[in-house]
Amino acid sequence: MKSAQVNRRIKHFLQDLSDPGTFHMRKKRGGHPICVASYGGQQRTFPLCWTPGGNYQVYAARNLNRFVRTLPLENPPRFVP
């Protein structure tokens, strides 16, 4: 799976978990795109990478699952690429 496909799946996954109407993307000039949203009333950010290495799919899934465990959610779902 290409990095753009992995990032797209991550964005949809985080958008489904976020509070309604709070999800948006932010990108500083020359920086990584960042997913910004409120989860349970708490605003959090998750950075994405557009120039990943060969194991990006595994790396991104591990980091995303670690991020989701820190959210104020009961029974947080797991992201499976």
N, C-alpha and C. Protein backbone atom coordinates (compact mmCIF):
# COMPACT_ATOMS: atom_id res chain seq x y z
N MET A 1 0.84 -1.16 0.00
CA MET A 1 0.00 0.00 0.00
C MET A 1 0.90 1.24 0.00
N LYS A 2 0.57 2.22 -0.80
CA LYS A 2 1.38 3.43 -0.89
C LYS A 2 1.11 4.35 0.29
N SER A 3 2.05 5.24 0.54
CA SER A 3 1.94 6.12 1.70
C SER A 3 0.70 7.01 1.65
N ALA A 4 0.34 7.48 0.47
CA ALA A 4 -0.86 8.31 0.35
C ALA A 4 -2.12 7.53 0.73
N GLN A 5 -2.16 6.25 0.39
CA GLN A 5 -3.31 5.42 0.77
C GLN A 5 -3.35 5.20 2.28
N VAL A 6 -2.19 4.97 2.88
CA VAL A 6 -2.13 4.78 4.33
C VAL A 6 -2.58 6.06 5.02
N ASN A 7 -2.08 7.22 4.58
CA ASN A 7 -2.47 8.49 5.17
C ASN A 7 -3.96 8.75 5.02
N ARG A 8 -4.52 8.40 3.88
CA ARG A 8 -5.96 8.59 3.65
C ARG A 8 -6.77 7.73 4.62
N ARG A 9 -6.35 6.48 4.83
CA ARG A 9 -7.05 5.60 5.76
C ARG A 9 -6.92 6.11 7.20
N ILE A 10 -5.76 6.64 7.54
CA ILE A 10 -5.56 7.21 8.88
C ILE A 10 -6.48 8.41 9.08
N LYS A 11 -6.57 9.30 8.07
CA LYS A 11 -7.45 10.47 8.19
C LYS A 11 -8.90 10.05 8.40
N HIS A 12 -9.37 9.07 7.63
CA HIS A 12 -10.76 8.61 7.78
C HIS A 12 -10.98 7.97 9.15
N PHE A 13 -10.01 7.20 9.62
CA PHE A 13 -10.10 6.55 10.93
C PHE A 13 -10.21 7.60 12.04
N LEU A 14 -9.34 8.62 12.01
CA LEU A 14 -9.37 9.65 13.03
C LEU A 14 -10.63 10.51 12.93
N GLN A 15 -11.09 10.74 11.71
CA GLN A 15 -12.31 11.53 11.53
C GLN A 15 -13.52 10.80 12.11
N ASP A 16 -13.57 9.49 11.98
CA ASP A 16 -14.67 8.71 12.55
C ASP A 16 -14.64 8.74 14.08
N LEU A 17 -13.46 8.81 14.68
CA LEU A 17 -13.33 8.84 16.14
C LEU A 17 -13.58 10.22 16.75
N SER A 18 -13.38 11.27 15.97
CA SER A 18 -13.44 12.63 16.51
C SER A 18 -14.87 13.08 16.78
N ASP A 19 -14.97 14.14 17.58
CA ASP A 19 -16.26 14.76 17.83
C ASP A 19 -16.77 15.34 16.51
N PRO A 20 -18.08 15.32 16.28
CA PRO A 20 -18.63 15.81 15.00
C PRO A 20 -18.25 17.27 14.71
N GLY A 21 -17.78 17.50 13.50
CA GLY A 21 -17.46 18.85 13.03
C GLY A 21 -16.16 19.44 13.54
N THR A 22 -15.31 18.66 14.19
CA THR A 22 -14.08 19.23 14.75
C THR A 22 -12.83 18.82 13.98
N PHE A 23 -12.91 17.87 13.08
CA PHE A 23 -11.73 17.37 12.37
C PHE A 23 -11.33 18.32 11.25
N HIS A 24 -10.04 18.66 11.19
CA HIS A 24 -9.50 19.41 10.05
C HIS A 24 -8.00 19.12 9.93
N MET A 25 -7.46 19.46 8.78
CA MET A 25 -6.03 19.25 8.51
C MET A 25 -5.32 20.59 8.59
N ARG A 26 -4.07 20.55 9.08
CA ARG A 26 -3.25 21.75 9.18
C ARG A 26 -1.88 21.39 8.62
N LYS A 27 -1.28 22.32 7.90
CA LYS A 27 0.06 22.08 7.38
C LYS A 27 0.81 23.40 7.37
N LYS A 28 1.90 23.41 8.10
CA LYS A 28 2.74 24.58 8.06
C LYS A 28 3.62 24.50 6.82
N ARG A 29 4.08 25.61 6.39
CA ARG A 29 4.89 25.67 5.19
C ARG A 29 6.15 24.82 5.35
N GLY A 30 6.29 23.82 4.50
CA GLY A 30 7.45 22.96 4.54
C GLY A 30 7.40 21.89 5.62
N GLY A 31 6.29 21.77 6.32
CA GLY A 31 6.20 20.80 7.41
C GLY A 31 5.30 19.64 7.07
N HIS A 32 5.09 18.79 8.05
CA HIS A 32 4.23 17.63 7.87
C HIS A 32 2.77 18.03 8.01
N PRO A 33 1.87 17.37 7.27
CA PRO A 33 0.45 17.60 7.48
C PRO A 33 0.04 17.06 8.86
N ILE A 34 -0.86 17.76 9.52
CA ILE A 34 -1.26 17.40 10.87
C ILE A 34 -2.78 17.29 10.94
N CYS A 35 -3.27 16.19 11.50
CA CYS A 35 -4.70 16.00 11.74
C CYS A 35 -5.02 16.63 13.10
N VAL A 36 -5.99 17.54 13.11
CA VAL A 36 -6.38 18.23 14.33
C VAL A 36 -7.86 17.97 14.56
N ALA A 37 -8.22 17.56 15.79
CA ALA A 37 -9.63 17.30 16.11
C ALA A 37 -9.81 17.25 17.62
N SER A 38 -11.07 17.30 18.03
CA SER A 38 -11.42 17.10 19.44
C SER A 38 -11.92 15.68 19.62
N TYR A 39 -11.43 15.05 20.66
CA TYR A 39 -11.84 13.69 21.01
C TYR A 39 -12.32 13.73 22.45
N GLY A 40 -13.61 13.56 22.65
CA GLY A 40 -14.16 13.64 24.00
C GLY A 40 -13.98 15.01 24.61
N GLY A 41 -14.02 16.07 23.79
CA GLY A 41 -13.88 17.43 24.28
C GLY A 41 -12.45 17.89 24.46
N GLN A 42 -11.48 17.05 24.13
CA GLN A 42 -10.07 17.38 24.29
C GLN A 42 -9.43 17.49 22.91
N GLN A 43 -8.86 18.67 22.59
CA GLN A 43 -8.25 18.85 21.27
C GLN A 43 -6.89 18.18 21.23
N ARG A 44 -6.66 17.38 20.19
CA ARG A 44 -5.41 16.64 20.03
C ARG A 44 -4.96 16.73 18.58
N THR A 45 -3.68 16.50 18.34
CA THR A 45 -3.12 16.52 16.99
C THR A 45 -2.36 15.22 16.72
N PHE A 46 -2.34 14.82 15.45
CA PHE A 46 -1.58 13.65 15.03
C PHE A 46 -0.89 13.98 13.70
N PRO A 47 0.45 13.97 13.66
CA PRO A 47 1.16 14.30 12.42
C PRO A 47 1.25 13.12 11.46
N LEU A 48 1.20 13.43 10.18
CA LEU A 48 1.37 12.44 9.12
C LEU A 48 2.70 12.71 8.42
N CYS A 49 3.13 11.77 7.60
CA CYS A 49 4.38 11.91 6.87
C CYS A 49 4.10 11.70 5.37
N TRP A 50 4.58 12.59 4.52
CA TRP A 50 4.39 12.44 3.07
C TRP A 50 5.59 11.81 2.39
N THR A 51 6.72 11.74 3.06
CA THR A 51 7.91 11.15 2.46
C THR A 51 8.40 10.02 3.36
N PRO A 52 7.64 8.95 3.46
CA PRO A 52 8.00 7.88 4.39
C PRO A 52 9.02 6.91 3.83
N GLY A 53 9.55 6.07 4.73
CA GLY A 53 10.46 5.01 4.33
C GLY A 53 9.69 3.76 3.96
N GLY A 54 10.39 2.65 3.83
CA GLY A 54 9.79 1.41 3.37
C GLY A 54 8.80 0.77 4.32
N ASN A 55 8.97 0.94 5.63
CA ASN A 55 8.08 0.32 6.60
C ASN A 55 7.04 1.29 7.14
N TYR A 56 6.65 2.26 6.36
CA TYR A 56 5.74 3.30 6.84
C TYR A 56 4.41 2.73 7.30
N GLN A 57 3.89 1.75 6.61
CA GLN A 57 2.59 1.18 6.96
C GLN A 57 2.62 0.62 8.39
N VAL A 58 3.65 -0.12 8.74
CA VAL A 58 3.78 -0.69 10.08
C VAL A 58 4.05 0.41 11.10
N TYR A 59 4.94 1.32 10.77
CA TYR A 59 5.31 2.43 11.64
C TYR A 59 4.09 3.29 11.95
N ALA A 60 3.32 3.66 10.92
CA ALA A 60 2.15 4.52 11.10
C ALA A 60 1.07 3.84 11.93
N ALA A 61 0.83 2.56 11.69
CA ALA A 61 -0.18 1.82 12.45
C ALA A 61 0.20 1.75 13.92
N ARG A 62 1.47 1.50 14.21
CA ARG A 62 1.93 1.42 15.60
C ARG A 62 1.76 2.77 16.30
N ASN A 63 2.17 3.86 15.64
CA ASN A 63 2.04 5.18 16.24
C ASN A 63 0.59 5.60 16.40
N LEU A 64 -0.24 5.28 15.43
CA LEU A 64 -1.65 5.65 15.51
C LEU A 64 -2.34 4.89 16.65
N ASN A 65 -2.07 3.61 16.80
CA ASN A 65 -2.67 2.84 17.89
C ASN A 65 -2.20 3.35 19.25
N ARG A 66 -0.95 3.76 19.35
CA ARG A 66 -0.45 4.35 20.58
C ARG A 66 -1.17 5.67 20.87
N PHE A 67 -1.40 6.48 19.83
CA PHE A 67 -2.11 7.75 19.97
C PHE A 67 -3.55 7.52 20.42
N VAL A 68 -4.23 6.55 19.81
CA VAL A 68 -5.63 6.28 20.14
C VAL A 68 -5.78 5.80 21.58
N ARG A 69 -4.81 5.04 22.08
CA ARG A 69 -4.88 4.58 23.48
C ARG A 69 -4.83 5.73 24.47
N THR A 70 -4.25 6.87 24.08
CA THR A 70 -4.16 8.02 24.98
C THR A 70 -5.41 8.89 24.95
N LEU A 71 -6.33 8.63 24.03
CA LEU A 71 -7.54 9.44 23.93
C LEU A 71 -8.52 9.08 25.03
N PRO A 72 -9.37 10.04 25.43
CA PRO A 72 -10.35 9.76 26.47
C PRO A 72 -11.56 9.01 25.91
N LEU A 73 -11.35 7.78 25.45
CA LEU A 73 -12.41 6.95 24.87
C LEU A 73 -12.48 5.63 25.63
N GLU A 74 -13.69 5.12 25.78
CA GLU A 74 -13.85 3.78 26.34
C GLU A 74 -13.72 2.78 25.21
N ASN A 75 -13.00 1.72 25.42
CA ASN A 75 -12.76 0.68 24.42
C ASN A 75 -12.27 1.27 23.09
N PRO A 76 -11.09 1.89 23.08
CA PRO A 76 -10.60 2.48 21.84
C PRO A 76 -10.35 1.42 20.77
N PRO A 77 -10.76 1.68 19.53
CA PRO A 77 -10.54 0.71 18.45
C PRO A 77 -9.08 0.67 18.03
N ARG A 78 -8.69 -0.39 17.34
CA ARG A 78 -7.34 -0.54 16.81
C ARG A 78 -7.37 -0.28 15.31
N PHE A 79 -6.34 0.39 14.83
CA PHE A 79 -6.18 0.60 13.39
C PHE A 79 -5.39 -0.54 12.82
N VAL A 80 -5.95 -1.18 11.81
CA VAL A 80 -5.28 -2.28 11.12
C VAL A 80 -5.12 -1.88 9.67
N PRO A 81 -3.87 -1.70 9.21
CA PRO A 81 -3.67 -1.26 7.82
C PRO A 81 -4.06 -2.30 6.80
